[in-house]
Amino acid sequence: MEFSSILITLTVVSVFIFDFTNGFHDSADMIATAIASRAMKTSVAIAIVSLFTFMGPLVIGLAVADTIGTFVDISQAKLIDAQALVIAALFAAISYNLITWKFGLPSSSSNSLAGGLVGAGLYVVGSGEINWGIAALQQGELTGIMKVVTGLFASPFLGFIAGFIIMKLIFWIFRRFTIKVRPLFVASQYFSVAWLGFSHGANDAQKGMAIIGMMLLASGYTQTFTIPLWVVLMCTTAITLGTMFGGWSIIKTLGFELYHVKLIHSVANQLGAALINTLATTIGAPTSTTQVVTATLLGNGAAEKPSHVGWKRAGQIILGWFVNIPVSMALGALYAYLLIQLLGVFS
């Protein structure tokens, strides 16, 4: 097997691990409120989320993958440098996922991957080969890093607003109803969980696809950035498997430490988060399901009883979001340096 083929195989395996850890993180986020509200059994919630996560990227297009895969131009880089850049970004994202999972903190796989790509890109090809999107933004177009930043940072803010508004609407619409309306919310829980799983798969699974597409381009197997069907199926499978084995520590953080979640909050949370994810996917902007779900839950709590929200714990999570990208950038640059030295020896 040629050395380049070995690197592609390594990348594919690493993407599988990345998507698995991504699903591992996000499944916990998606089902946390359903479990905390005691509206669904854990096994049922995971089964629904897994099924619709798998369906998402097969139904929706690949606009998010195009955004992630083209904001660092590797077409002019040397073969080893381009390959090191792609693998380094991936390693940075996996490392941050595993670290935050260890501490039970919901982190953003999207932020980790974007930060890893920028850090490795700055080290390997320089800022001139990164599509920052600033010039296009001045002309009213949203591209490159600016689209990524908009998707990742605007979505939690919009999630909070959506969570707040949906919660208020539910309280207003059902203000004269009694406990007898509970079966309606239990039934709607299945729809909201399914929609959230679908929106998650449609957005998050595309990021791993983008990495493999970049690696195929870097290695000369494709002439333009494209995503083969086998890559779509593999990434979809990996993120679904991760979803099926989601981490309880993150479920505990979101479902029990931010707010005393009841059935009404769970439905509002999932509807709001799914809505934001879906809107972002339609314009090709990556989101973090973790951030969107968490921010929406804070909006739900603030709409009812702000004093009952665990703002201290929320502050720790939000601080982690701000640390995410710089740490991932540093890891991306570090891994790029180490890989270039290592690949230079074996090539």
C-alpha atoms as a PDB file:
ATOM      1  CA  MET A   1       0.000   0.000   0.000  1.00  0.00           C
ATOM      2  CA  GLU A   2       1.322   3.465  -0.937  1.00  0.00           C
ATOM      3  CA  PHE A   3       2.125   5.841   1.903  1.00  0.00           C
ATOM      4  CA  SER A   4      -0.530   8.274   0.664  1.00  0.00           C
ATOM      5  CA  SER A   5      -3.139   5.507   0.808  1.00  0.00           C
ATOM      6  CA  ILE A   6      -2.093   4.722   4.368  1.00  0.00           C
ATOM      7  CA  LEU A   7      -2.695   8.364   5.339  1.00  0.00           C
ATOM      8  CA  ILE A   8      -6.114   8.355   3.695  1.00  0.00           C
ATOM      9  CA  THR A   9      -6.988   5.199   5.606  1.00  0.00           C
ATOM     10  CA  LEU A  10      -5.791   6.844   8.824  1.00  0.00           C
ATOM     11  CA  THR A  11      -7.960   9.874   8.053  1.00  0.00           C
ATOM     12  CA  VAL A  12     -11.030   7.769   7.363  1.00  0.00           C
ATOM     13  CA  VAL A  13     -10.568   5.855  10.625  1.00  0.00           C
ATOM     14  CA  SER A  14      -9.997   9.123  12.526  1.00  0.00           C
ATOM     15  CA  VAL A  15     -13.120  10.689  10.997  1.00  0.00           C
ATOM     16  CA  PHE A  16     -15.095   7.647  12.081  1.00  0.00           C
ATOM     17  CA  ILE A  17     -13.806   8.157  15.639  1.00  0.00           C
ATOM     18  CA  PHE A  18     -14.524  11.897  15.459  1.00  0.00           C
ATOM     19  CA  ASP A  19     -18.088  11.354  14.250  1.00  0.00           C
ATOM     20  CA  PHE A  20     -18.581   8.684  16.890  1.00  0.00           C
ATOM     21  CA  THR A  21     -17.453  11.067  19.656  1.00  0.00           C
ATOM     22  CA  ASN A  22     -19.585  13.797  18.073  1.00  0.00           C
ATOM     23  CA  GLY A  23     -22.655  11.575  18.224  1.00  0.00           C
ATOM     24  CA  PHE A  24     -21.623  10.433  21.702  1.00  0.00           C
ATOM     25  CA  HIS A  25     -21.654  14.032  22.898  1.00  0.00           C
ATOM     26  CA  ASP A  26     -24.739  15.188  21.062  1.00  0.00           C
ATOM     27  CA  SER A  27     -27.007  12.238  21.766  1.00  0.00           C
ATOM     28  CA  ALA A  28     -26.666  13.087  25.434  1.00  0.00           C
ATOM     29  CA  ASP A  29     -27.642  16.674  24.683  1.00  0.00           C
ATOM     30  CA  MET A  30     -30.637  15.664  22.582  1.00  0.00           C
ATOM     31  CA  ILE A  31     -32.209  13.190  24.988  1.00  0.00           C
ATOM     32  CA  ALA A  32     -31.202  14.796  28.300  1.00  0.00           C
ATOM     33  CA  THR A  33     -34.400  16.788  28.777  1.00  0.00           C
ATOM     34  CA  ALA A  34     -36.622  13.893  27.643  1.00  0.00           C
ATOM     35  CA  ILE A  35     -35.033  11.638  30.250  1.00  0.00           C
ATOM     36  CA  ALA A  36     -35.038  14.286  32.976  1.00  0.00           C
ATOM     37  CA  SER A  37     -38.743  14.975  32.384  1.00  0.00           C
ATOM     38  CA  ARG A  38     -39.434  11.214  32.661  1.00  0.00           C
ATOM     39  CA  ALA A  39     -41.545  11.377  29.502  1.00  0.00           C
ATOM     40  CA  MET A  40     -39.561   8.710  27.660  1.00  0.00           C
ATOM     41  CA  LYS A  41     -37.478   5.701  28.528  1.00  0.00           C
ATOM     42  CA  THR A  42     -33.781   6.146  27.789  1.00  0.00           C
ATOM     43  CA  SER A  43     -33.738   3.241  25.324  1.00  0.00           C
ATOM     44  CA  VAL A  44     -36.719   4.626  23.387  1.00  0.00           C
ATOM     45  CA  ALA A  45     -35.272   8.147  23.234  1.00  0.00           C
ATOM     46  CA  ILE A  46     -31.912   6.869  21.993  1.00  0.00           C
ATOM     47  CA  ALA A  47     -33.564   4.640  19.390  1.00  0.00           C
ATOM     48  CA  ILE A  48     -35.611   7.529  17.954  1.00  0.00           C
ATOM     49  CA  VAL A  49     -32.696   9.955  17.947  1.00  0.00           C
ATOM     50  CA  SER A  50     -30.392   7.379  16.340  1.00  0.00           C
ATOM     51  CA  LEU A  51     -32.856   6.546  13.553  1.00  0.00           C
ATOM     52  CA  PHE A  52     -33.497  10.151  12.603  1.00  0.00           C
ATOM     53  CA  THR A  53     -29.844  11.127  12.976  1.00  0.00           C
ATOM     54  CA  PHE A  54     -29.076   8.483  10.354  1.00  0.00           C
ATOM     55  CA  MET A  55     -31.797   9.790   8.035  1.00  0.00           C
ATOM     56  CA  GLY A  56     -30.784  13.464   8.271  1.00  0.00           C
ATOM     57  CA  PRO A  57     -27.671  13.621   6.061  1.00  0.00           C
ATOM     58  CA  LEU A  58     -29.181  11.198   3.536  1.00  0.00           C
ATOM     59  CA  VAL A  59     -32.144  13.502   2.933  1.00  0.00           C
ATOM     60  CA  ILE A  60     -30.556  16.964   3.214  1.00  0.00           C
ATOM     61  CA  GLY A  61     -27.864  18.246   0.818  1.00  0.00           C
ATOM     62  CA  LEU A  62     -24.177  18.814   1.578  1.00  0.00           C
ATOM     63  CA  ALA A  63     -24.070  22.604   1.931  1.00  0.00           C
ATOM     64  CA  VAL A  64     -22.489  22.445   5.398  1.00  0.00           C
ATOM     65  CA  ALA A  65     -19.754  20.085   4.157  1.00  0.00           C
ATOM     66  CA  ASP A  66     -18.990  22.523   1.341  1.00  0.00           C
ATOM     67  CA  THR A  67     -18.645  25.368   3.861  1.00  0.00           C
ATOM     68  CA  ILE A  68     -16.288  23.461   6.171  1.00  0.00           C
ATOM     69  CA  GLY A  69     -14.289  21.816   3.394  1.00  0.00           C
ATOM     70  CA  THR A  70     -13.480  24.931   1.393  1.00  0.00           C
ATOM     71  CA  PHE A  71     -12.564  27.654   3.877  1.00  0.00           C
ATOM     72  CA  VAL A  72      -8.907  26.521   3.958  1.00  0.00           C
ATOM     73  CA  ASP A  73      -7.337  26.318   0.496  1.00  0.00           C
ATOM     74  CA  ILE A  74      -4.924  23.370   0.357  1.00  0.00           C
ATOM     75  CA  SER A  75      -4.716  23.110  -3.434  1.00  0.00           C
ATOM     76  CA  GLN A  76      -1.284  24.782  -3.617  1.00  0.00           C
ATOM     77  CA  ALA A  77       0.233  23.106  -0.552  1.00  0.00           C
ATOM     78  CA  LYS A  78       2.787  20.316  -0.764  1.00  0.00           C
ATOM     79  CA  LEU A  79       1.318  16.836  -0.481  1.00  0.00           C
ATOM     80  CA  ILE A  80       2.709  16.120   2.996  1.00  0.00           C
ATOM     81  CA  ASP A  81       1.758  19.569   4.284  1.00  0.00           C
ATOM     82  CA  ALA A  82      -1.821  19.292   3.015  1.00  0.00           C
ATOM     83  CA  GLN A  83      -2.256  15.833   4.484  1.00  0.00           C
ATOM     84  CA  ALA A  84      -0.761  16.909   7.815  1.00  0.00           C
ATOM     85  CA  LEU A  85      -3.130  19.892   7.943  1.00  0.00           C
ATOM     86  CA  VAL A  86      -6.239  17.760   7.500  1.00  0.00           C
ATOM     87  CA  ILE A  87      -5.187  15.069   9.987  1.00  0.00           C
ATOM     88  CA  ALA A  88      -4.053  17.663  12.550  1.00  0.00           C
ATOM     89  CA  ALA A  89      -7.432  19.418  12.507  1.00  0.00           C
ATOM     90  CA  LEU A  90      -9.149  16.104  13.037  1.00  0.00           C
ATOM     91  CA  PHE A  91      -6.865  15.089  15.917  1.00  0.00           C
ATOM     92  CA  ALA A  92      -7.452  18.465  17.582  1.00  0.00           C
ATOM     93  CA  ALA A  93     -11.237  17.995  17.455  1.00  0.00           C
ATOM     94  CA  ILE A  94     -11.088  14.426  18.767  1.00  0.00           C
ATOM     95  CA  SER A  95      -8.777  15.452  21.612  1.00  0.00           C
ATOM     96  CA  TYR A  96     -11.072  18.253  22.771  1.00  0.00           C
ATOM     97  CA  ASN A  97     -14.128  15.982  22.521  1.00  0.00           C
ATOM     98  CA  LEU A  98     -12.526  13.359  24.731  1.00  0.00           C
ATOM     99  CA  ILE A  99     -11.247  15.886  27.292  1.00  0.00           C
ATOM    100  CA  THR A 100     -14.650  17.547  27.742  1.00  0.00           C
ATOM    101  CA  TRP A 101     -16.461  14.192  27.795  1.00  0.00           C
ATOM    102  CA  LYS A 102     -14.145  13.124  30.639  1.00  0.00           C
ATOM    103  CA  PHE A 103     -15.321  16.087  32.707  1.00  0.00           C
ATOM    104  CA  GLY A 104     -18.981  15.751  31.712  1.00  0.00           C
ATOM    105  CA  LEU A 105     -19.037  19.107  29.929  1.00  0.00           C
ATOM    106  CA  PRO A 106     -21.137  19.559  26.780  1.00  0.00           C
ATOM    107  CA  SER A 107     -18.675  20.882  24.200  1.00  0.00           C
ATOM    108  CA  SER A 108     -18.916  21.757  20.526  1.00  0.00           C
ATOM    109  CA  SER A 109     -17.445  19.276  18.070  1.00  0.00           C
ATOM    110  CA  SER A 110     -18.088  21.877  15.379  1.00  0.00           C
ATOM    111  CA  ASN A 111     -16.073  24.563  17.169  1.00  0.00           C
ATOM    112  CA  SER A 112     -13.302  22.044  17.831  1.00  0.00           C
ATOM    113  CA  LEU A 113     -13.044  21.042  14.179  1.00  0.00           C
ATOM    114  CA  ALA A 114     -13.242  24.625  12.899  1.00  0.00           C
ATOM    115  CA  GLY A 115     -10.614  25.741  15.415  1.00  0.00           C
ATOM    116  CA  GLY A 116      -8.395  22.800  14.523  1.00  0.00           C
ATOM    117  CA  LEU A 117      -8.631  23.630  10.813  1.00  0.00           C
ATOM    118  CA  VAL A 118      -7.790  27.291  11.371  1.00  0.00           C
ATOM    119  CA  GLY A 119      -4.877  26.525  13.716  1.00  0.00           C
ATOM    120  CA  ALA A 120      -3.397  23.894  11.421  1.00  0.00           C
ATOM    121  CA  GLY A 121      -4.087  26.090   8.395  1.00  0.00           C
ATOM    122  CA  LEU A 122      -2.305  29.090   9.893  1.00  0.00           C
ATOM    123  CA  TYR A 123       0.737  26.947  10.663  1.00  0.00           C
ATOM    124  CA  VAL A 124       0.878  25.031   7.381  1.00  0.00           C
ATOM    125  CA  VAL A 125      -0.352  27.376   4.614  1.00  0.00           C
ATOM    126  CA  GLY A 126      -0.626  30.777   6.333  1.00  0.00           C
ATOM    127  CA  SER A 127      -3.519  33.199   6.726  1.00  0.00           C
ATOM    128  CA  GLY A 128      -3.517  34.062   3.016  1.00  0.00           C
ATOM    129  CA  GLU A 129      -4.926  30.638   2.112  1.00  0.00           C
ATOM    130  CA  ILE A 130      -7.785  30.840   4.591  1.00  0.00           C
ATOM    131  CA  ASN A 131     -11.085  32.202   3.317  1.00  0.00           C
ATOM    132  CA  TRP A 132     -11.895  34.581   6.141  1.00  0.00           C
ATOM    133  CA  GLY A 133     -14.981  35.865   4.287  1.00  0.00           C
ATOM    134  CA  ILE A 134     -14.481  39.478   5.397  1.00  0.00           C
ATOM    135  CA  ALA A 135     -14.368  40.951   1.891  1.00  0.00           C
ATOM    136  CA  ALA A 136     -17.439  38.977   0.845  1.00  0.00           C
ATOM    137  CA  LEU A 137     -19.279  40.103   3.987  1.00  0.00           C
ATOM    138  CA  GLN A 138     -18.725  43.736   2.972  1.00  0.00           C
ATOM    139  CA  GLN A 139     -20.586  42.906  -0.240  1.00  0.00           C
ATOM    140  CA  GLY A 140     -23.428  41.266   1.634  1.00  0.00           C
ATOM    141  CA  GLU A 141     -22.303  37.652   1.126  1.00  0.00           C
ATOM    142  CA  LEU A 142     -21.727  35.148   3.907  1.00  0.00           C
ATOM    143  CA  THR A 143     -18.861  32.784   3.107  1.00  0.00           C
ATOM    144  CA  GLY A 144     -15.801  31.096   4.598  1.00  0.00           C
ATOM    145  CA  ILE A 145     -14.869  31.649   8.224  1.00  0.00           C
ATOM    146  CA  MET A 146     -17.513  34.348   8.633  1.00  0.00           C
ATOM    147  CA  LYS A 147     -20.241  31.829   7.760  1.00  0.00           C
ATOM    148  CA  VAL A 148     -18.757  29.319  10.197  1.00  0.00           C
ATOM    149  CA  VAL A 149     -18.476  31.929  12.964  1.00  0.00           C
ATOM    150  CA  THR A 150     -22.005  33.170  12.294  1.00  0.00           C
ATOM    151  CA  GLY A 151     -23.426  29.674  12.459  1.00  0.00           C
ATOM    152  CA  LEU A 152     -21.542  28.644  15.575  1.00  0.00           C
ATOM    153  CA  PHE A 153     -21.911  31.830  17.608  1.00  0.00           C
ATOM    154  CA  ALA A 154     -25.274  33.171  16.440  1.00  0.00           C
ATOM    155  CA  SER A 155     -27.043  29.834  16.860  1.00  0.00           C
ATOM    156  CA  PRO A 156     -26.756  29.690  20.700  1.00  0.00           C
ATOM    157  CA  PHE A 157     -28.038  33.266  20.936  1.00  0.00           C
ATOM    158  CA  LEU A 158     -30.940  32.457  18.631  1.00  0.00           C
ATOM    159  CA  GLY A 159     -31.503  29.214  20.525  1.00  0.00           C
ATOM    160  CA  PHE A 160     -31.918  31.146  23.785  1.00  0.00           C
ATOM    161  CA  ILE A 161     -34.438  33.490  22.144  1.00  0.00           C
ATOM    162  CA  ALA A 162     -36.313  30.592  20.520  1.00  0.00           C
ATOM    163  CA  GLY A 163     -36.430  28.712  23.817  1.00  0.00           C
ATOM    164  CA  PHE A 164     -37.741  31.781  25.627  1.00  0.00           C
ATOM    165  CA  ILE A 165     -40.432  32.564  23.031  1.00  0.00           C
ATOM    166  CA  ILE A 166     -41.628  28.973  22.589  1.00  0.00           C
ATOM    167  CA  MET A 167     -41.883  28.548  26.355  1.00  0.00           C
ATOM    168  CA  LYS A 168     -43.939  31.735  26.670  1.00  0.00           C
ATOM    169  CA  LEU A 169     -46.188  30.656  23.775  1.00  0.00           C
ATOM    170  CA  ILE A 170     -46.839  27.255  25.326  1.00  0.00           C
ATOM    171  CA  PHE A 171     -47.706  28.845  28.672  1.00  0.00           C
ATOM    172  CA  TRP A 172     -50.100  31.273  26.943  1.00  0.00           C
ATOM    173  CA  ILE A 173     -51.787  28.692  24.689  1.00  0.00           C
ATOM    174  CA  PHE A 174     -52.294  26.152  27.461  1.00  0.00           C
ATOM    175  CA  ARG A 175     -52.930  28.575  30.326  1.00  0.00           C
ATOM    176  CA  ARG A 176     -56.497  27.308  30.866  1.00  0.00           C
ATOM    177  CA  PHE A 177     -55.730  23.611  30.466  1.00  0.00           C
ATOM    178  CA  THR A 178     -55.380  21.103  33.296  1.00  0.00           C
ATOM    179  CA  ILE A 179     -53.095  18.123  33.893  1.00  0.00           C
ATOM    180  CA  LYS A 180     -55.290  16.170  31.478  1.00  0.00           C
ATOM    181  CA  VAL A 181     -53.342  17.755  28.611  1.00  0.00           C
ATOM    182  CA  ARG A 182     -50.215  15.808  29.610  1.00  0.00           C
ATOM    183  CA  PRO A 183     -50.785  12.959  27.084  1.00  0.00           C
ATOM    184  CA  LEU A 184     -50.622  15.541  24.299  1.00  0.00           C
ATOM    185  CA  PHE A 185     -47.182  16.656  25.453  1.00  0.00           C
ATOM    186  CA  VAL A 186     -46.007  13.078  25.851  1.00  0.00           C
ATOM    187  CA  ALA A 187     -47.037  12.378  22.240  1.00  0.00           C
ATOM    188  CA  SER A 188     -45.438  15.592  20.962  1.00  0.00           C
ATOM    189  CA  GLN A 189     -42.223  14.573  22.742  1.00  0.00           C
ATOM    190  CA  TYR A 190     -41.736  11.817  20.166  1.00  0.00           C
ATOM    191  CA  PHE A 191     -42.070  14.309  17.312  1.00  0.00           C
ATOM    192  CA  SER A 192     -39.722  16.869  18.875  1.00  0.00           C
ATOM    193  CA  VAL A 193     -37.041  14.262  19.676  1.00  0.00           C
ATOM    194  CA  ALA A 194     -37.258  12.897  16.125  1.00  0.00           C
ATOM    195  CA  TRP A 195     -36.971  16.370  14.588  1.00  0.00           C
ATOM    196  CA  LEU A 196     -34.019  17.265  16.780  1.00  0.00           C
ATOM    197  CA  GLY A 197     -32.259  14.011  15.827  1.00  0.00           C
ATOM    198  CA  PHE A 198     -32.932  14.653  12.141  1.00  0.00           C
ATOM    199  CA  SER A 199     -31.614  18.228  12.302  1.00  0.00           C
ATOM    200  CA  HIS A 200     -28.540  17.034  14.201  1.00  0.00           C
ATOM    201  CA  GLY A 201     -27.650  14.393  11.624  1.00  0.00           C
ATOM    202  CA  ALA A 202     -28.306  16.761   8.729  1.00  0.00           C
ATOM    203  CA  ASN A 203     -25.846  19.329  10.109  1.00  0.00           C
ATOM    204  CA  ASP A 204     -23.222  17.596  12.248  1.00  0.00           C
ATOM    205  CA  ALA A 205     -22.506  14.515  10.135  1.00  0.00           C
ATOM    206  CA  GLN A 206     -21.390  16.734   7.256  1.00  0.00           C
ATOM    207  CA  LYS A 207     -18.329  18.013   9.103  1.00  0.00           C
ATOM    208  CA  GLY A 208     -16.571  14.641   9.044  1.00  0.00           C
ATOM    209  CA  MET A 209     -17.528  14.306   5.379  1.00  0.00           C
ATOM    210  CA  ALA A 210     -15.781  17.613   4.691  1.00  0.00           C
ATOM    211  CA  ILE A 211     -12.543  16.368   6.263  1.00  0.00           C
ATOM    212  CA  ILE A 212     -12.435  13.232   4.105  1.00  0.00           C
ATOM    213  CA  GLY A 213     -13.288  15.321   1.046  1.00  0.00           C
ATOM    214  CA  MET A 214     -10.344  17.600   1.851  1.00  0.00           C
ATOM    215  CA  MET A 215      -8.034  14.621   2.321  1.00  0.00           C
ATOM    216  CA  LEU A 216      -9.026  13.085  -1.020  1.00  0.00           C
ATOM    217  CA  LEU A 217      -8.341  16.437  -2.668  1.00  0.00           C
ATOM    218  CA  ALA A 218      -5.026  16.869  -0.850  1.00  0.00           C
ATOM    219  CA  SER A 219      -3.878  13.400  -1.943  1.00  0.00           C
ATOM    220  CA  GLY A 220      -4.832  13.932  -5.585  1.00  0.00           C
ATOM    221  CA  TYR A 221      -7.644  11.355  -5.637  1.00  0.00           C
ATOM    222  CA  THR A 222     -10.105  14.082  -6.637  1.00  0.00           C
ATOM    223  CA  GLN A 223      -9.513  17.255  -8.658  1.00  0.00           C
ATOM    224  CA  THR A 224     -12.150  19.340  -6.905  1.00  0.00           C
ATOM    225  CA  PHE A 225     -13.729  19.219  -3.465  1.00  0.00           C
ATOM    226  CA  THR A 226     -16.416  16.529  -3.650  1.00  0.00           C
ATOM    227  CA  ILE A 227     -18.050  14.096  -1.212  1.00  0.00           C
ATOM    228  CA  PRO A 228     -18.391  10.507  -2.544  1.00  0.00           C
ATOM    229  CA  LEU A 229     -21.464   8.496  -1.543  1.00  0.00           C
ATOM    230  CA  TRP A 230     -19.418   6.033   0.528  1.00  0.00           C
ATOM    231  CA  VAL A 231     -18.196   8.933   2.665  1.00  0.00           C
ATOM    232  CA  VAL A 232     -21.768  10.088   3.304  1.00  0.00           C
ATOM    233  CA  LEU A 233     -22.805   6.577   4.371  1.00  0.00           C
ATOM    234  CA  MET A 234     -19.755   6.042   6.571  1.00  0.00           C
ATOM    235  CA  CYS A 235     -20.040   9.348   8.432  1.00  0.00           C
ATOM    236  CA  THR A 236     -23.764   8.868   8.885  1.00  0.00           C
ATOM    237  CA  THR A 237     -23.183   5.424  10.346  1.00  0.00           C
ATOM    238  CA  ALA A 238     -20.431   6.634  12.688  1.00  0.00           C
ATOM    239  CA  ILE A 239     -22.409   9.521  14.151  1.00  0.00           C
ATOM    240  CA  THR A 240     -25.438   7.251  14.549  1.00  0.00           C
ATOM    241  CA  LEU A 241     -23.413   4.643  16.438  1.00  0.00           C
ATOM    242  CA  GLY A 242     -22.051   7.383  18.695  1.00  0.00           C
ATOM    243  CA  THR A 243     -25.595   8.562  19.273  1.00  0.00           C
ATOM    244  CA  MET A 244     -26.584   5.078  20.399  1.00  0.00           C
ATOM    245  CA  PHE A 245     -23.877   5.080  23.099  1.00  0.00           C
ATOM    246  CA  GLY A 246     -24.300   8.636  24.437  1.00  0.00           C
ATOM    247  CA  GLY A 247     -22.654   9.616  27.710  1.00  0.00           C
ATOM    248  CA  TRP A 248     -24.638   9.716  30.943  1.00  0.00           C
ATOM    249  CA  SER A 249     -22.366  12.328  32.526  1.00  0.00           C
ATOM    250  CA  ILE A 250     -23.446  14.913  29.948  1.00  0.00           C
ATOM    251  CA  ILE A 251     -27.097  13.881  30.311  1.00  0.00           C
ATOM    252  CA  LYS A 252     -26.744  14.545  34.054  1.00  0.00           C
ATOM    253  CA  THR A 253     -25.284  18.015  33.436  1.00  0.00           C
ATOM    254  CA  LEU A 254     -27.944  19.190  30.995  1.00  0.00           C
ATOM    255  CA  GLY A 255     -30.939  17.330  32.349  1.00  0.00           C
ATOM    256  CA  PHE A 256     -30.480  17.905  36.066  1.00  0.00           C
ATOM    257  CA  GLU A 257     -27.960  20.679  36.798  1.00  0.00           C
ATOM    258  CA  LEU A 258     -29.183  23.629  34.714  1.00  0.00           C
ATOM    259  CA  TYR A 259     -32.895  23.585  35.456  1.00  0.00           C
ATOM    260  CA  HIS A 260     -35.522  21.344  37.030  1.00  0.00           C
ATOM    261  CA  VAL A 261     -36.812  19.988  33.725  1.00  0.00           C
ATOM    262  CA  LYS A 262     -40.445  18.982  33.346  1.00  0.00           C
ATOM    263  CA  LEU A 263     -42.259  17.606  30.314  1.00  0.00           C
ATOM    264  CA  ILE A 264     -43.296  21.023  29.049  1.00  0.00           C
ATOM    265  CA  HIS A 265     -39.677  22.252  29.145  1.00  0.00           C
ATOM    266  CA  SER A 266     -38.428  19.172  27.334  1.00  0.00           C
ATOM    267  CA  VAL A 267     -40.814  19.632  24.393  1.00  0.00           C
ATOM    268  CA  ALA A 268     -40.088  23.365  24.165  1.00  0.00           C
ATOM    269  CA  ASN A 269     -36.350  22.711  24.347  1.00  0.00           C
ATOM    270  CA  GLN A 270     -36.291  20.172  21.546  1.00  0.00           C
ATOM    271  CA  LEU A 271     -38.593  22.154  19.269  1.00  0.00           C
ATOM    272  CA  GLY A 272     -36.514  25.314  19.680  1.00  0.00           C
ATOM    273  CA  ALA A 273     -33.172  23.568  19.158  1.00  0.00           C
ATOM    274  CA  ALA A 274     -34.428  21.627  16.130  1.00  0.00           C
ATOM    275  CA  LEU A 275     -35.769  24.822  14.568  1.00  0.00           C
ATOM    276  CA  ILE A 276     -32.419  26.642  14.887  1.00  0.00           C
ATOM    277  CA  ASN A 277     -30.468  23.644  13.563  1.00  0.00           C
ATOM    278  CA  THR A 278     -32.784  23.312  10.576  1.00  0.00           C
ATOM    279  CA  LEU A 279     -32.608  27.004   9.663  1.00  0.00           C
ATOM    280  CA  ALA A 280     -28.800  26.969   9.845  1.00  0.00           C
ATOM    281  CA  THR A 281     -28.538  23.828   7.707  1.00  0.00           C
ATOM    282  CA  THR A 282     -30.638  25.377   4.940  1.00  0.00           C
ATOM    283  CA  ILE A 283     -28.030  28.131   4.450  1.00  0.00           C
ATOM    284  CA  GLY A 284     -25.055  25.806   4.856  1.00  0.00           C
ATOM    285  CA  ALA A 285     -23.976  27.219   8.224  1.00  0.00           C
ATOM    286  CA  PRO A 286     -22.552  24.732  10.741  1.00  0.00           C
ATOM    287  CA  THR A 287     -24.055  24.711  14.206  1.00  0.00           C
ATOM    288  CA  SER A 288     -23.227  23.016  17.462  1.00  0.00           C
ATOM    289  CA  THR A 289     -26.172  20.923  18.602  1.00  0.00           C
ATOM    290  CA  THR A 290     -24.634  20.981  22.074  1.00  0.00           C
ATOM    291  CA  GLN A 291     -24.618  24.758  22.239  1.00  0.00           C
ATOM    292  CA  VAL A 292     -28.035  25.148  20.677  1.00  0.00           C
ATOM    293  CA  VAL A 293     -29.699  22.640  23.025  1.00  0.00           C
ATOM    294  CA  THR A 294     -28.026  24.165  26.092  1.00  0.00           C
ATOM    295  CA  ALA A 295     -28.854  27.764  25.132  1.00  0.00           C
ATOM    296  CA  THR A 296     -32.443  26.817  24.310  1.00  0.00           C
ATOM    297  CA  LEU A 297     -32.820  25.154  27.712  1.00  0.00           C
ATOM    298  CA  LEU A 298     -31.545  28.319  29.410  1.00  0.00           C
ATOM    299  CA  GLY A 299     -34.139  30.276  27.410  1.00  0.00           C
ATOM    300  CA  ASN A 300     -36.843  27.850  28.554  1.00  0.00           C
ATOM    301  CA  GLY A 301     -35.867  28.327  32.181  1.00  0.00           C
ATOM    302  CA  ALA A 302     -35.552  32.105  31.888  1.00  0.00           C
ATOM    303  CA  ALA A 303     -39.064  32.287  30.422  1.00  0.00           C
ATOM    304  CA  GLU A 304     -40.538  30.603  33.496  1.00  0.00           C
ATOM    305  CA  LYS A 305     -38.395  31.205  36.590  1.00  0.00           C
ATOM    306  CA  PRO A 306     -34.989  32.800  35.935  1.00  0.00           C
ATOM    307  CA  SER A 307     -34.015  32.386  39.585  1.00  0.00           C
ATOM    308  CA  HIS A 308     -34.349  28.607  39.269  1.00  0.00           C
ATOM    309  CA  VAL A 309     -31.804  28.372  36.450  1.00  0.00           C
ATOM    310  CA  GLY A 310     -28.376  27.070  37.456  1.00  0.00           C
ATOM    311  CA  TRP A 311     -26.601  30.126  36.105  1.00  0.00           C
ATOM    312  CA  LYS A 312     -23.313  29.239  37.785  1.00  0.00           C
ATOM    313  CA  ARG A 313     -23.169  25.875  36.015  1.00  0.00           C
ATOM    314  CA  ALA A 314     -24.337  27.553  32.804  1.00  0.00           C
ATOM    315  CA  GLY A 315     -21.477  30.047  33.144  1.00  0.00           C
ATOM    316  CA  GLN A 316     -18.968  27.205  33.371  1.00  0.00           C
ATOM    317  CA  ILE A 317     -20.363  25.656  30.184  1.00  0.00           C
ATOM    318  CA  ILE A 318     -20.373  28.971  28.312  1.00  0.00           C
ATOM    319  CA  LEU A 319     -16.806  29.674  29.430  1.00  0.00           C
ATOM    320  CA  GLY A 320     -15.907  26.314  27.921  1.00  0.00           C
ATOM    321  CA  TRP A 321     -17.410  27.451  24.613  1.00  0.00           C
ATOM    322  CA  PHE A 322     -15.153  30.515  24.503  1.00  0.00           C
ATOM    323  CA  VAL A 323     -12.104  28.410  25.371  1.00  0.00           C
ATOM    324  CA  ASN A 324     -13.025  25.786  22.778  1.00  0.00           C
ATOM    325  CA  ILE A 325     -11.807  27.480  19.593  1.00  0.00           C
ATOM    326  CA  PRO A 326      -8.499  28.921  20.885  1.00  0.00           C
ATOM    327  CA  VAL A 327      -7.563  25.608  22.516  1.00  0.00           C
ATOM    328  CA  SER A 328      -8.513  23.721  19.346  1.00  0.00           C
ATOM    329  CA  MET A 329      -6.471  26.156  17.246  1.00  0.00           C
ATOM    330  CA  ALA A 330      -3.447  25.575  19.452  1.00  0.00           C
ATOM    331  CA  LEU A 331      -3.930  21.813  19.272  1.00  0.00           C
ATOM    332  CA  GLY A 332      -4.343  21.988  15.487  1.00  0.00           C
ATOM    333  CA  ALA A 333      -1.079  23.906  15.079  1.00  0.00           C
ATOM    334  CA  LEU A 334       0.736  21.560  17.472  1.00  0.00           C
ATOM    335  CA  TYR A 335      -0.479  18.419  15.737  1.00  0.00           C
ATOM    336  CA  ALA A 336       0.383  19.937  12.341  1.00  0.00           C
ATOM    337  CA  TYR A 337       3.956  20.598  13.460  1.00  0.00           C
ATOM    338  CA  LEU A 338       4.358  17.073  14.859  1.00  0.00           C
ATOM    339  CA  LEU A 339       2.795  15.412  11.827  1.00  0.00           C
ATOM    340  CA  ILE A 340       4.917  17.313   9.330  1.00  0.00           C
ATOM    341  CA  GLN A 341       8.033  16.218  11.200  1.00  0.00           C
ATOM    342  CA  LEU A 342       6.784  12.626  11.363  1.00  0.00           C
ATOM    343  CA  LEU A 343       5.556  12.408   7.778  1.00  0.00           C
ATOM    344  CA  GLY A 344       8.800  13.910   6.575  1.00  0.00           C
ATOM    345  CA  VAL A 345      10.653  10.950   8.049  1.00  0.00           C
ATOM    346  CA  PHE A 346       8.447   8.260   6.488  1.00  0.00           C
ATOM    347  CA  SER A 347       7.749   9.833   3.104  1.00  0.00           C
END
